[in-house]
Amino acid sequence: MLVIFFTVESLFLNGLTNTYVMKNESPDVIQAILTEYEQQISQIKLNEFNPLSDIEKGIQISKIFIQRLRIKVQEGCLTSKEHEINFFKYIKPRIVGDLLYYCYLKEITHHRPVCTIYVLQEFLEKKLERFSHFLKKNFKCYAYYNSEGNKKCDEYYFVRCYLKVEDYHYHPYSMIDTNFATSKDYLFAEFRAHEKVIKYLEDELLKLKAQKKKTFKSLEQWLSHSPFYWTDTKVAATELIYALASSGSINNGNVDIKELAKYVCLFFNIDKLEFYRIYSDLKIRENPAAFIDKLKANLRKRIDGDMS
C-alpha cells in the first residue's frame, strides 16, 4: 500500500515549479482529454495468465492523462464553481481511481501465491475483506459518493478553498499542490478503485470456484476407481475422519467433516457411512478413541520390529 501512496504522491509533486499561466479556456478541453483517455484505457484487457504488462500500461496511461489534466487546471480552464465541482467530483476521481486500481492490482499480482486452490482462495478472500472494509469504514462518504442526485456538500467537498487539516492527513500532497486538490476528490478516487478491485476479486473467486468444481469432479471420478477397501468397522472409519479433522493437519484445520467423510469414503470404498450418528455414540463410549489407540499400538509394534 505504501508503494501505491508514493507512486501517486510523486505524480502530483512532479513539475510543481511550473509557472501558473491563467487562460480563459472552456472545460471542453477537459472533456476532450477525458474522451481520449477513455478510448486508450478501454483498449486494455488484462491477460489472464500474465496481467502485469497490461497493468503497467494502465498505470502509465493514467499517469500521463492526470498530468495533462493538472496542467490544464493550472492554466485556469475551470472558469466557474460548477466547472470546478464537476471536475473534482467526477473527472479527476475517474482517472486517479483507475491509477489506484491498477496499482492495487499490481500489488495483488505480485503477492498472489502460486499454490493450491485452497491457499489461493484464502488469499483472495482476505484481500476482498480488506477492500470491503475500507468502504464500510468510510460508509458516510461512500453513501454520498453513491447518491448521484445529492449535491448538498458538493461545494465543501469539491471546491479547492475548502481544504481542511484532516484532508492533508489523508493525502499530504494536497498541502503543496492545493490548486489540484479538494477535500474529497482523492477519497472518491479511492472509492472507485476499491469498487473495481472488489469486482476483480469477486470474479477471480468465481473462476476459482468453477475450477474447484471441475477439479473435484475429476478427482471423484478417479477416487471411484480406488483399489483400496476399508476392511475395519465403520466406527473405526468415523474415528479416523474426526481425528483427522480435529488434528489441524488438513487445510490448517479449516475442513468440513461432511466433505472429508465424502472423500475418505470414496477412497476406501465405504458405503453409506452414518458418521454423525456414529460420532454421537462415540461420545458416550468409555474409550471413544479405541481405533486411534490401535493405530498407535500397531505403529509402535512395527517400528520396534524394524529396529530389532
Foldseek 3Di string as FASTA:
>chain_A
DVVLLVVVLCLLVPPLPDDQAADAAACVVVVVLQVVLCVVLVVQDADPVDRLVSLVSLLVSLSVSLVVVLNVLSRHHQPDLVSQLCCLLPPNLVSLLSNSLSVVVNVCVVPQDDDDLLVNLVSLVVVLVVLVVVCVVVVVVNVVNPPVPDCPCSSLFGPLVNADPVQCVVRVSCVSVSSSDHSCSVVSSSVSSSVVSNVVSVVVSVVSVVVVVVVVVVVLVVLQPAPAADPDDLLLVLLVLVCVLVVCPPSNNPDDSVVSSVSVCSNRVPPDRPSVVSVVVLVPDPHSNVSVVVVVVVVVVVVVVVVD
